[in-house]
Amino acid sequence: MERINVENFNYDSIKYFVSVASHGSLSKAAYSLGISQSALSQSMKNLEQTLGVTLFNRNTRGIILTLEGKILYEEAKVGKDYFENAIIQIFRINKFETLKTFKISTSGTLFTIFIAPIMRQIIKKYPKINFEIISVATEKDVVEKLQKEEIDLALYKTSGRFPLKEVASQKLGNLNYAFVYHKDYFEFDKKVKVDAVKDIPIITKKRTGRNNSSWIMTSFSHIIICESDRNILELVKRGVGIGVYPAEYIDDDNLATIEFENVPETKRIVEASFLNSNKIAKDIVTMIMKSHQ
């Protein structure tokens, strides 16, 4: 069987053929392409001769694709779409248009600790990308949301290394939670028994997945559940109760911490997860790691 040297093939004729097949008419295709109908007709004859097949027949209604013509059209129009999309992308880059939106799933606390300090650096490196900060995904939702491209990078807290075999996962650090109160409203010794303060509201977040803070829910009479650490701190500052908050990020001199006797420390590991194919996410995680060295 004779082989065609595709490297020497005139791809303009394929573009012309796709236009003819799409319009169903030589005259309409010629007008769309901006060439004469006779030039287009000659190009189609040359294409049929090169391939050794008849691609379409003419009738009073226009052109009718042969079996070979239908096969070529179905394959060629896909290639044309890819080619046009590539041209559009290059044009956008040249015109400094945004190519995509990069979505970071994180809590307010983790955003403040890990993302905000390097955001200027990120924007400088990726000036043509929009960034969207969305609500944190839970451990069980991370894989699905990454695979569906609903998020590009997920920062979340876990009490144990959460095995995500489907995606890349990087430990960013630890958060050690403390019991914090406002000194204008309460006065405690540094270490106290749980029974001594069990009637004072404890302000915490609802924990999902594996955690070591479930004892709080059964040890105190009043529990206030918040959606974010920021809300917890706001209530603590107003003297509502004792908050469970990351110890490393208590920066108000009016706030103090207490320890409960015979109570384990509440620690949370901060993880970053992303698809291995997402080079931008991988780069941002590297930036985070360097900024916390």
Protein backbone atom coordinates (compact mmCIF):
# COMPACT_ATOMS: atom_id res chain seq x y z
CA MET A 1 0.00 0.00 0.00
CA GLU A 2 1.38 3.40 -1.01
CA ARG A 3 2.13 5.71 1.93
CA ILE A 4 1.52 9.45 1.98
CA ASN A 5 4.37 11.70 3.15
CA VAL A 6 2.34 13.73 5.66
CA GLU A 7 5.24 16.10 6.34
CA ASN A 8 4.95 17.42 2.79
CA PHE A 9 1.16 17.46 2.86
CA ASN A 10 -0.67 20.71 2.11
CA TYR A 11 -2.73 21.25 5.26
CA ASP A 12 -4.51 24.27 3.77
CA SER A 13 -6.49 21.82 1.66
CA ILE A 14 -7.71 20.08 4.84
CA LYS A 15 -8.84 23.43 6.24
CA TYR A 16 -10.64 24.15 2.96
CA PHE A 17 -12.28 20.71 2.99
CA VAL A 18 -13.57 21.18 6.56
CA SER A 19 -15.10 24.50 5.50
CA VAL A 20 -16.77 22.90 2.45
CA ALA A 21 -18.17 20.06 4.54
CA SER A 22 -19.37 22.45 7.29
CA HIS A 23 -21.13 24.80 4.86
CA GLY A 24 -22.37 22.05 2.55
CA SER A 25 -21.59 24.29 -0.39
CA LEU A 26 -18.50 25.25 -2.39
CA SER A 27 -19.74 28.79 -2.96
CA LYS A 28 -20.48 29.44 0.74
CA ALA A 29 -17.16 27.91 1.80
CA ALA A 30 -15.25 30.00 -0.76
CA TYR A 31 -16.94 33.17 0.51
CA SER A 32 -16.11 32.24 4.14
CA LEU A 33 -12.47 31.49 3.27
CA GLY A 34 -12.06 34.60 1.15
CA ILE A 35 -10.94 32.75 -1.99
CA SER A 36 -12.50 32.19 -5.39
CA GLN A 37 -14.80 29.23 -5.95
CA SER A 38 -12.63 28.00 -8.81
CA ALA A 39 -9.52 28.02 -6.59
CA LEU A 40 -11.40 26.12 -3.90
CA SER A 41 -12.73 23.58 -6.40
CA GLN A 42 -9.20 22.98 -7.73
CA SER A 43 -7.88 22.53 -4.20
CA MET A 44 -10.53 19.87 -3.52
CA LYS A 45 -9.65 18.02 -6.74
CA ASN A 46 -5.96 18.07 -5.76
CA LEU A 47 -6.84 16.74 -2.29
CA GLU A 48 -8.89 13.87 -3.73
CA GLN A 49 -6.08 13.00 -6.13
CA THR A 50 -3.51 13.01 -3.35
CA LEU A 51 -5.65 10.77 -1.14
CA GLY A 52 -6.87 8.62 -4.01
CA VAL A 53 -10.52 8.85 -2.95
CA THR A 54 -13.69 10.78 -3.72
CA LEU A 55 -14.61 12.96 -0.74
CA PHE A 56 -17.97 14.33 -1.86
CA ASN A 57 -20.47 14.38 -4.69
CA ARG A 58 -22.44 17.38 -5.89
CA ASN A 59 -26.17 17.64 -6.42
CA THR A 60 -28.70 20.42 -6.75
CA ARG A 61 -28.75 20.97 -2.97
CA GLY A 62 -24.99 21.27 -2.58
CA ILE A 63 -22.46 18.59 -1.70
CA ILE A 64 -22.95 15.11 -0.22
CA LEU A 65 -20.01 13.58 1.66
CA THR A 66 -18.94 10.08 0.72
CA LEU A 67 -18.00 7.54 3.40
CA GLU A 68 -14.35 8.58 3.05
CA GLY A 69 -15.39 12.23 3.19
CA LYS A 70 -17.35 11.70 6.41
CA ILE A 71 -14.36 9.96 8.04
CA LEU A 72 -11.96 12.74 7.03
CA TYR A 73 -14.39 15.45 8.17
CA GLU A 74 -14.97 13.92 11.63
CA GLU A 75 -11.22 13.64 12.26
CA ALA A 76 -10.15 16.89 10.60
CA LYS A 77 -12.66 19.14 12.38
CA VAL A 78 -11.30 17.96 15.75
CA GLY A 79 -7.81 18.95 14.71
CA LYS A 80 -9.11 22.29 13.43
CA ASP A 81 -10.78 23.00 16.79
CA TYR A 82 -7.54 22.22 18.68
CA PHE A 83 -5.56 24.42 16.33
CA GLU A 84 -7.97 27.34 16.69
CA ASN A 85 -7.96 26.98 20.47
CA ALA A 86 -4.16 27.11 20.50
CA ILE A 87 -4.22 30.30 18.44
CA ILE A 88 -6.75 31.87 20.84
CA GLN A 89 -4.59 30.98 23.84
CA ILE A 90 -1.47 32.49 22.27
CA PHE A 91 -3.45 35.62 21.35
CA ARG A 92 -4.64 35.97 24.95
CA ILE A 93 -1.11 35.67 26.27
CA ASN A 94 0.06 38.31 23.80
CA LYS A 95 -2.79 40.60 24.86
CA PHE A 96 -2.14 39.95 28.59
CA GLU A 97 -5.57 38.40 29.06
CA THR A 98 -6.30 36.07 31.95
CA LEU A 99 -6.00 32.41 31.00
CA LYS A 100 -7.73 30.81 33.99
CA THR A 101 -8.83 31.16 37.59
CA PHE A 102 -6.76 29.31 40.18
CA LYS A 103 -8.90 28.27 43.15
CA ILE A 104 -7.40 27.85 46.63
CA SER A 105 -9.53 26.09 49.23
CA THR A 106 -8.53 27.19 52.73
CA SER A 107 -9.83 28.49 56.04
CA GLY A 108 -9.33 32.08 57.10
CA THR A 109 -6.66 31.08 59.62
CA LEU A 110 -4.65 28.99 57.18
CA PHE A 111 -4.95 31.70 54.54
CA THR A 112 -3.52 34.25 56.99
CA ILE A 113 -0.68 31.95 58.02
CA PHE A 114 0.35 30.32 54.76
CA ILE A 115 -1.08 32.16 51.73
CA ALA A 116 -1.30 35.86 52.59
CA PRO A 117 2.45 36.25 53.37
CA ILE A 118 3.42 35.05 49.87
CA MET A 119 0.48 36.42 47.86
CA ARG A 120 2.49 39.30 46.40
CA GLN A 121 5.13 36.80 45.30
CA ILE A 122 2.48 34.57 43.69
CA ILE A 123 0.86 37.46 41.80
CA LYS A 124 4.24 38.67 40.57
CA LYS A 125 5.11 35.23 39.22
CA TYR A 126 1.67 34.57 37.70
CA PRO A 127 0.37 37.98 36.57
CA LYS A 128 -2.01 36.52 33.98
CA ILE A 129 -3.96 34.29 36.36
CA ASN A 130 -6.92 35.19 38.55
CA PHE A 131 -6.96 33.74 42.06
CA GLU A 132 -10.08 32.81 44.00
CA ILE A 133 -10.03 31.94 47.71
CA ILE A 134 -12.93 29.63 48.51
CA SER A 135 -14.20 27.90 51.65
CA VAL A 136 -12.15 25.02 52.97
CA ALA A 137 -12.85 21.52 51.68
CA THR A 138 -13.07 18.76 54.27
CA GLU A 139 -10.66 15.83 54.18
CA LYS A 140 -13.22 13.52 52.59
CA ASP A 141 -14.05 16.03 49.84
CA VAL A 142 -10.52 17.00 48.82
CA VAL A 143 -9.87 14.22 46.29
CA GLU A 144 -13.22 14.58 44.52
CA LYS A 145 -13.02 18.38 44.31
CA LEU A 146 -9.46 18.25 42.96
CA GLN A 147 -10.32 15.63 40.37
CA LYS A 148 -13.38 17.61 39.23
CA GLU A 149 -11.15 20.72 39.07
CA GLU A 150 -13.49 22.54 41.44
CA ILE A 151 -10.34 23.50 43.35
CA ASP A 152 -6.66 23.63 42.39
CA LEU A 153 -5.04 23.64 45.83
CA ALA A 154 -6.48 22.61 49.18
CA LEU A 155 -5.10 23.62 52.58
CA TYR A 156 -6.78 21.89 55.50
CA LYS A 157 -6.20 20.67 59.05
CA THR A 158 -6.12 17.04 60.14
CA SER A 159 -5.25 15.26 63.39
CA GLY A 160 -3.31 12.61 61.49
CA ARG A 161 -1.66 12.38 58.10
CA PHE A 162 -4.58 11.95 55.76
CA PRO A 163 -3.60 9.44 53.04
CA LEU A 164 -4.51 10.83 49.64
CA LYS A 165 -3.17 8.30 47.16
CA GLU A 166 -4.92 9.94 44.22
CA VAL A 167 -3.23 13.33 44.71
CA ALA A 168 0.00 14.84 45.98
CA SER A 169 -0.05 15.75 49.67
CA GLN A 170 2.48 17.89 51.52
CA LYS A 171 2.68 18.58 55.26
CA LEU A 172 3.07 22.32 55.83
CA GLY A 173 3.37 22.31 59.61
CA ASN A 174 1.57 21.83 62.91
CA LEU A 175 -0.98 23.94 64.74
CA ASN A 176 -0.98 23.55 68.53
CA TYR A 177 -4.33 24.62 69.94
CA ALA A 178 -4.61 26.34 73.29
CA PHE A 179 -7.46 27.40 75.55
CA VAL A 180 -7.54 31.19 75.40
CA TYR A 181 -9.53 33.78 77.36
CA HIS A 182 -9.68 37.56 77.79
CA LYS A 183 -8.12 38.82 81.02
CA ASP A 184 -10.69 41.62 81.42
CA TYR A 185 -13.47 39.04 81.88
CA PHE A 186 -11.84 36.02 83.53
CA GLU A 187 -9.00 35.27 85.93
CA PHE A 188 -7.53 31.76 86.04
CA ASP A 189 -4.46 30.02 87.32
CA LYS A 190 -2.15 28.76 84.59
CA LYS A 191 -3.35 25.19 85.11
CA VAL A 192 -6.89 24.34 86.26
CA LYS A 193 -9.21 21.36 86.53
CA VAL A 194 -11.95 20.98 83.95
CA ASP A 195 -14.62 20.84 86.67
CA ALA A 196 -13.63 24.32 87.84
CA VAL A 197 -14.69 25.93 84.55
CA LYS A 198 -17.14 23.43 83.12
CA ASP A 199 -20.01 25.95 83.25
CA ILE A 200 -18.10 28.58 81.25
CA PRO A 201 -18.86 28.38 77.52
CA ILE A 202 -16.20 26.69 75.40
CA ILE A 203 -15.94 28.17 71.91
CA THR A 204 -14.62 25.79 69.27
CA LYS A 205 -15.00 24.61 65.72
CA LYS A 206 -16.83 21.49 64.70
CA ARG A 207 -14.16 18.94 63.92
CA THR A 208 -14.47 16.52 61.02
CA GLY A 209 -12.46 13.38 60.35
CA ARG A 210 -10.07 11.97 62.92
CA ASN A 211 -9.45 14.34 65.85
CA ASN A 212 -8.47 14.32 69.50
CA SER A 213 -10.78 17.10 70.71
CA SER A 214 -14.06 15.17 71.01
CA TRP A 215 -13.69 15.15 74.81
CA ILE A 216 -14.58 18.86 74.78
CA MET A 217 -18.11 18.08 73.62
CA THR A 218 -18.77 15.89 76.68
CA SER A 219 -16.80 17.77 79.36
CA PHE A 220 -18.43 21.20 79.31
CA SER A 221 -22.00 22.35 79.89
CA HIS A 222 -22.00 25.07 77.24
CA ILE A 223 -20.50 24.63 73.78
CA ILE A 224 -20.46 27.28 71.05
CA ILE A 225 -19.61 25.94 67.59
CA CYS A 226 -18.13 28.39 65.08
CA GLU A 227 -17.41 28.09 61.39
CA SER A 228 -13.98 29.73 61.62
CA ASP A 229 -11.12 30.43 64.04
CA ARG A 230 -11.66 34.14 63.38
CA ASN A 231 -15.17 33.92 64.83
CA ILE A 232 -13.83 32.10 67.87
CA LEU A 233 -11.29 34.84 68.56
CA GLU A 234 -13.92 37.55 68.16
CA LEU A 235 -16.15 35.94 70.79
CA VAL A 236 -13.20 35.44 73.15
CA LYS A 237 -12.29 39.12 72.89
CA ARG A 238 -15.87 39.99 73.89
CA GLY A 239 -15.67 37.81 77.00
CA VAL A 240 -18.17 35.22 75.84
CA GLY A 241 -16.09 32.27 77.01
CA ILE A 242 -12.91 30.23 76.57
CA GLY A 243 -11.83 29.64 73.00
CA VAL A 244 -9.88 26.82 71.35
CA TYR A 245 -7.41 28.66 69.14
CA PRO A 246 -3.95 28.13 67.58
CA ALA A 247 -1.44 29.05 70.29
CA GLU A 248 1.21 30.30 67.85
CA TYR A 249 -1.11 33.04 66.56
CA ILE A 250 -2.35 34.66 69.75
CA ASP A 251 -0.93 38.18 69.44
CA ASP A 252 -3.12 40.20 71.79
CA ASP A 253 -1.64 41.13 75.20
CA ASN A 254 -5.13 41.06 76.72
CA LEU A 255 -5.45 37.37 75.92
CA ALA A 256 -4.03 34.57 78.04
CA THR A 257 -4.03 30.78 77.92
CA ILE A 258 -4.77 28.09 80.46
CA GLU A 259 -4.02 24.38 80.65
CA PHE A 260 -6.42 21.73 81.88
CA GLU A 261 -5.13 18.97 84.13
CA ASN A 262 -5.05 15.48 82.60
CA VAL A 263 -6.12 16.73 79.21
CA PRO A 264 -4.19 15.84 76.04
CA GLU A 265 -2.85 18.58 73.79
CA THR A 266 -4.97 19.38 70.79
CA LYS A 267 -2.75 19.34 67.71
CA ARG A 268 -3.67 19.62 64.09
CA ILE A 269 -1.47 18.92 61.09
CA VAL A 270 -1.77 21.33 58.17
CA GLU A 271 -1.78 19.59 54.79
CA ALA A 272 -1.67 20.92 51.26
CA SER A 273 -3.08 18.72 48.49
CA PHE A 274 -3.13 19.14 44.71
CA LEU A 275 -3.08 17.10 41.52
CA ASN A 276 0.41 16.05 40.44
CA SER A 277 -0.27 17.56 37.02
CA ASN A 278 -0.97 21.03 38.49
CA LYS A 279 2.42 22.75 38.17
CA ILE A 280 1.21 26.07 39.60
CA ALA A 281 -0.14 24.39 42.76
CA LYS A 282 3.12 22.52 43.20
CA ASP A 283 5.05 25.77 42.80
CA ILE A 284 2.88 27.61 45.35
CA VAL A 285 3.39 24.85 47.91
CA THR A 286 7.16 25.14 47.36
CA MET A 287 6.87 28.90 48.02
CA ILE A 288 4.95 28.19 51.25
CA MET A 289 7.57 25.72 52.44
CA LYS A 290 10.42 28.16 51.75
CA SER A 291 8.65 30.99 53.57
CA HIS A 292 8.29 28.83 56.69
CA GLN A 293 11.85 27.52 56.82
